[in-house]
C-alpha atoms as a PDB file:
ATOM      1  CA  MET A   1      93.619 101.130  86.514  1.00  0.00           C
ATOM      2  CA  GLU A   2      92.146 102.605  89.674  1.00  0.00           C
ATOM      3  CA  PHE A   3      91.749 100.163  92.555  1.00  0.00           C
ATOM      4  CA  ASN A   4      90.062 102.711  94.829  1.00  0.00           C
ATOM      5  CA  VAL A   5      86.865 102.408  92.788  1.00  0.00           C
ATOM      6  CA  TYR A   6      86.449  98.888  94.124  1.00  0.00           C
ATOM      7  CA  ASN A   7      86.556  99.976  97.735  1.00  0.00           C
ATOM      8  CA  GLN A   8      83.371 101.950  97.281  1.00  0.00           C
ATOM      9  CA  SER A   9      81.378  99.716  94.963  1.00  0.00           C
ATOM     10  CA  ARG A  10      79.732  96.326  94.908  1.00  0.00           C
ATOM     11  CA  LYS A  11      82.414  95.165  92.486  1.00  0.00           C
ATOM     12  CA  GLY A  12      84.812  94.952  95.437  1.00  0.00           C
ATOM     13  CA  GLN A  13      82.493  92.553  97.271  1.00  0.00           C
ATOM     14  CA  PRO A  14      84.094  89.375  95.813  1.00  0.00           C
ATOM     15  CA  PHE A  15      87.471  90.464  97.227  1.00  0.00           C
ATOM     16  CA  LYS A  16      86.015  91.001 100.688  1.00  0.00           C
ATOM     17  CA  GLN A  17      84.149  87.673 100.426  1.00  0.00           C
ATOM     18  CA  THR A  18      87.370  85.899  99.477  1.00  0.00           C
ATOM     19  CA  CYS A  19      89.064  87.333 102.573  1.00  0.00           C
ATOM     20  CA  VAL A  20      86.191  86.082 104.745  1.00  0.00           C
ATOM     21  CA  ARG A  21      86.244  82.644 103.083  1.00  0.00           C
ATOM     22  CA  VAL A  22      90.004  82.245 103.621  1.00  0.00           C
ATOM     23  CA  LEU A  23      89.623  83.405 107.236  1.00  0.00           C
ATOM     24  CA  LYS A  24      87.033  80.710 107.923  1.00  0.00           C
ATOM     25  CA  GLU A  25      88.734  77.982 105.884  1.00  0.00           C
ATOM     26  CA  LEU A  26      92.088  78.384 107.628  1.00  0.00           C
ATOM     27  CA  ASP A  27      90.712  79.268 111.050  1.00  0.00           C
ATOM     28  CA  CYS A  28      93.222  82.118 111.201  1.00  0.00           C
ATOM     29  CA  ASP A  29      92.924  85.528 112.840  1.00  0.00           C
ATOM     30  CA  PHE A  30      93.389  87.979 109.968  1.00  0.00           C
ATOM     31  CA  VAL A  31      93.238  88.040 106.161  1.00  0.00           C
ATOM     32  CA  GLY A  32      94.044  91.181 104.208  1.00  0.00           C
ATOM     33  CA  LEU A  33      94.354  92.251 100.588  1.00  0.00           C
ATOM     34  CA  ALA A  34      96.737  95.064  99.657  1.00  0.00           C
ATOM     35  CA  LEU A  35      96.865  96.625  96.190  1.00  0.00           C
ATOM     36  CA  GLN A  36      99.399  98.927  94.600  1.00  0.00           C
ATOM     37  CA  ASN A  37      97.902 102.299  93.741  1.00  0.00           C
ATOM     38  CA  SER A  38      97.578 103.017  90.043  1.00  0.00           C
ATOM     39  CA  ASN A  39      98.972 106.535  90.338  1.00  0.00           C
ATOM     40  CA  GLY A  40     102.260 105.752  92.082  1.00  0.00           C
ATOM     41  CA  PRO A  41     104.391 103.192  93.856  1.00  0.00           C
ATOM     42  CA  ASP A  42     102.460 103.185  97.139  1.00  0.00           C
ATOM     43  CA  VAL A  43     100.697 100.051  98.367  1.00  0.00           C
ATOM     44  CA  SER A  44      97.533 100.234 100.497  1.00  0.00           C
ATOM     45  CA  TRP A  45      95.426  97.675 102.345  1.00  0.00           C
ATOM     46  CA  HIS A  46      91.951  97.686 100.790  1.00  0.00           C
ATOM     47  CA  TYR A  47      90.111  94.655 102.195  1.00  0.00           C
ATOM     48  CA  ALA A  48      90.338  92.664 105.408  1.00  0.00           C
ATOM     49  CA  ALA A  49      88.541  90.027 107.439  1.00  0.00           C
ATOM     50  CA  GLY A  50      89.146  89.335 111.106  1.00  0.00           C
ATOM     51  CA  ASN A  51      90.453  92.847 111.610  1.00  0.00           C
ATOM     52  CA  ARG A  52      90.251  94.314 115.103  1.00  0.00           C
ATOM     53  CA  ASN A  53      89.942  97.882 113.886  1.00  0.00           C
ATOM     54  CA  ASP A  54      90.012  99.964 110.704  1.00  0.00           C
ATOM     55  CA  LYS A  55      93.667 100.997 110.968  1.00  0.00           C
ATOM     56  CA  TYR A  56      94.521  98.771 108.006  1.00  0.00           C
ATOM     57  CA  LYS A  57      92.590 101.181 105.750  1.00  0.00           C
ATOM     58  CA  ARG A  58      95.004 103.993 106.648  1.00  0.00           C
ATOM     59  CA  ILE A  59      98.200 101.993 106.142  1.00  0.00           C
ATOM     60  CA  THR A  60     100.127 102.879 103.022  1.00  0.00           C
ATOM     61  CA  VAL A  61     103.669 101.690 102.370  1.00  0.00           C
ATOM     62  CA  ARG A  62     106.132 102.467  99.611  1.00  0.00           C
ATOM     63  CA  TYR A  63     107.041  99.941  96.966  1.00  0.00           C
ATOM     64  CA  GLY A  64     109.650  97.632  98.528  1.00  0.00           C
ATOM     65  CA  LYS A  65     108.706  98.541 102.119  1.00  0.00           C
ATOM     66  CA  GLY A  66     106.565  96.697 104.643  1.00  0.00           C
ATOM     67  CA  ILE A  67     105.285  93.201 103.966  1.00  0.00           C
ATOM     68  CA  ALA A  68     103.104  94.250 101.038  1.00  0.00           C
ATOM     69  CA  GLY A  69     105.750  96.380  99.353  1.00  0.00           C
ATOM     70  CA  LYS A  70     108.411  93.686  99.752  1.00  0.00           C
ATOM     71  CA  VAL A  71     106.194  90.923  98.361  1.00  0.00           C
ATOM     72  CA  ILE A  72     105.243  93.027  95.341  1.00  0.00           C
ATOM     73  CA  SER A  73     108.833  94.109  94.681  1.00  0.00           C
ATOM     74  CA  THR A  74     110.309  90.600  94.959  1.00  0.00           C
ATOM     75  CA  GLY A  75     107.382  88.657  93.510  1.00  0.00           C
ATOM     76  CA  ARG A  76     107.904  85.988  96.163  1.00  0.00           C
ATOM     77  CA  PRO A  77     105.892  84.905  99.198  1.00  0.00           C
ATOM     78  CA  MET A  78     107.042  86.185 102.575  1.00  0.00           C
ATOM     79  CA  LYS A  79     106.731  84.394 105.893  1.00  0.00           C
ATOM     80  CA  ILE A  80     107.061  86.065 109.276  1.00  0.00           C
ATOM     81  CA  GLU A  81     107.353  83.984 112.414  1.00  0.00           C
ATOM     82  CA  ASP A  82     107.257  85.194 116.020  1.00  0.00           C
ATOM     83  CA  PHE A  83     106.946  88.911 115.239  1.00  0.00           C
ATOM     84  CA  PRO A  84     108.666  91.172 116.282  1.00  0.00           C
ATOM     85  CA  ASN A  85     111.490  88.676 116.779  1.00  0.00           C
ATOM     86  CA  ASN A  86     113.183  87.130 113.746  1.00  0.00           C
ATOM     87  CA  ILE A  87     112.597  90.071 111.393  1.00  0.00           C
ATOM     88  CA  LEU A  88     114.932  92.092 109.231  1.00  0.00           C
ATOM     89  CA  GLY A  89     114.797  95.738 110.195  1.00  0.00           C
ATOM     90  CA  LYS A  90     112.602  97.402 112.791  1.00  0.00           C
ATOM     91  CA  ALA A  91     109.095  96.465 113.892  1.00  0.00           C
ATOM     92  CA  LEU A  92     107.834  99.884 112.715  1.00  0.00           C
ATOM     93  CA  GLU A  93     108.613  98.769 109.155  1.00  0.00           C
ATOM     94  CA  TYR A  94     105.737  96.258 109.440  1.00  0.00           C
ATOM     95  CA  PRO A  95     102.702  98.457 110.154  1.00  0.00           C
ATOM     96  CA  ILE A  96     100.057  95.815 109.357  1.00  0.00           C
ATOM     97  CA  MET A  97     101.639  93.447 111.883  1.00  0.00           C
ATOM     98  CA  LEU A  98     101.582  96.176 114.529  1.00  0.00           C
ATOM     99  CA  ALA A  99      98.081  97.456 113.735  1.00  0.00           C
ATOM    100  CA  GLU A 100      96.547  93.977 113.927  1.00  0.00           C
ATOM    101  CA  ASN A 101      98.859  92.631 116.646  1.00  0.00           C
ATOM    102  CA  LEU A 102      99.940  89.703 114.432  1.00  0.00           C
ATOM    103  CA  ARG A 103     102.721  87.319 115.465  1.00  0.00           C
ATOM    104  CA  PHE A 104     102.759  85.019 112.427  1.00  0.00           C
ATOM    105  CA  ALA A 105     101.996  85.894 108.818  1.00  0.00           C
ATOM    106  CA  PHE A 106     102.273  84.536 105.298  1.00  0.00           C
ATOM    107  CA  ALA A 107     101.887  86.886 102.341  1.00  0.00           C
ATOM    108  CA  VAL A 108     101.763  86.025  98.633  1.00  0.00           C
ATOM    109  CA  PRO A 109     101.849  88.194  95.504  1.00  0.00           C
ATOM    110  CA  ILE A 110      98.863  88.750  93.220  1.00  0.00           C
ATOM    111  CA  GLN A 111      99.221  89.658  89.550  1.00  0.00           C
ATOM    112  CA  PHE A 112      97.102  92.007  87.492  1.00  0.00           C
ATOM    113  CA  LYS A 113      97.600  91.619  83.749  1.00  0.00           C
ATOM    114  CA  VAL A 114     100.961  89.882  84.297  1.00  0.00           C
ATOM    115  CA  VAL A 115     102.220  92.671  86.597  1.00  0.00           C
ATOM    116  CA  LEU A 116     102.539  92.205  90.354  1.00  0.00           C
ATOM    117  CA  LYS A 117     100.023  94.584  91.876  1.00  0.00           C
ATOM    118  CA  GLY A 118      98.687  93.004  95.064  1.00  0.00           C
ATOM    119  CA  VAL A 119      99.295  90.929  98.165  1.00  0.00           C
ATOM    120  CA  LEU A 120      97.144  88.457 100.059  1.00  0.00           C
ATOM    121  CA  LEU A 121      98.242  88.230 103.701  1.00  0.00           C
ATOM    122  CA  VAL A 122      97.085  85.697 106.284  1.00  0.00           C
ATOM    123  CA  GLY A 123      98.090  86.133 109.911  1.00  0.00           C
ATOM    124  CA  ASN A 124      97.659  84.842 113.448  1.00  0.00           C
ATOM    125  CA  ARG A 125      97.747  86.765 116.709  1.00  0.00           C
ATOM    126  CA  THR A 126      98.477  83.623 118.713  1.00  0.00           C
ATOM    127  CA  THR A 127     101.554  81.389 118.737  1.00  0.00           C
ATOM    128  CA  GLN A 128      99.988  79.310 115.937  1.00  0.00           C
ATOM    129  CA  PRO A 129     102.326  79.379 112.896  1.00  0.00           C
ATOM    130  CA  ILE A 130     101.069  79.176 109.314  1.00  0.00           C
ATOM    131  CA  SER A 131     101.431  75.501 108.342  1.00  0.00           C
ATOM    132  CA  GLU A 132     102.722  74.234 104.985  1.00  0.00           C
ATOM    133  CA  SER A 133      99.234  73.039 104.001  1.00  0.00           C
ATOM    134  CA  ASP A 134      97.754  76.421 104.958  1.00  0.00           C
ATOM    135  CA  GLN A 135     100.423  78.142 102.857  1.00  0.00           C
ATOM    136  CA  GLN A 136      99.266  76.111  99.849  1.00  0.00           C
ATOM    137  CA  THR A 137      95.651  77.099 100.549  1.00  0.00           C
ATOM    138  CA  ILE A 138      96.745  80.746 100.658  1.00  0.00           C
ATOM    139  CA  LEU A 139      98.545  80.364  97.316  1.00  0.00           C
ATOM    140  CA  ASP A 140      95.401  78.792  95.819  1.00  0.00           C
ATOM    141  CA  ALA A 141      93.232  81.633  97.173  1.00  0.00           C
ATOM    142  CA  ALA A 142      95.636  84.169  95.651  1.00  0.00           C
ATOM    143  CA  LYS A 143      95.263  82.491  92.244  1.00  0.00           C
ATOM    144  CA  LYS A 144      91.471  82.716  92.540  1.00  0.00           C
ATOM    145  CA  LEU A 145      91.756  86.379  93.498  1.00  0.00           C
ATOM    146  CA  GLU A 146      93.964  87.000  90.468  1.00  0.00           C
ATOM    147  CA  LYS A 147      91.311  85.507  88.201  1.00  0.00           C
ATOM    148  CA  GLU A 148      88.583  87.618  89.819  1.00  0.00           C
ATOM    149  CA  LEU A 149      90.687  90.767  89.672  1.00  0.00           C
ATOM    150  CA  ASN A 150      91.587  90.257  86.023  1.00  0.00           C
ATOM    151  CA  SER A 151      88.041  89.423  84.954  1.00  0.00           C
ATOM    152  CA  SER A 152      86.303  92.263  86.806  1.00  0.00           C
ATOM    153  CA  ILE A 153      88.523  95.202  85.955  1.00  0.00           C
END
């Protein structure tokens, strides 16, 4: 499966629209969707809403590295509070947080045909943490994205 096709076609529009919808619904600062490349272990950010620049498009992390790589490798949500404080490792290991100047983030895994292949990340640049109710909304949005991803590819 080649995810890059969806970056350049109208088929990717529902993913971008979902990012925009989550951004508005949660009144957060950033929503991004990362997908594991089909031809290797690397994970890239393909879609975003609320982004300040296009740096996210150039961020690629290895499987198990960065927020996206860790979420895909563990299959569990990841919460970051008060970045760059309270993190394991160095700030440079979290390029999406640096590129978008995020302080708080919550990322959840997305499955493609029962295999973890993506991550939905929601973040804030302010001191506003991601609430428990917002985390549930993010999980629900990830489930909707999974359905869209699995039905369109």
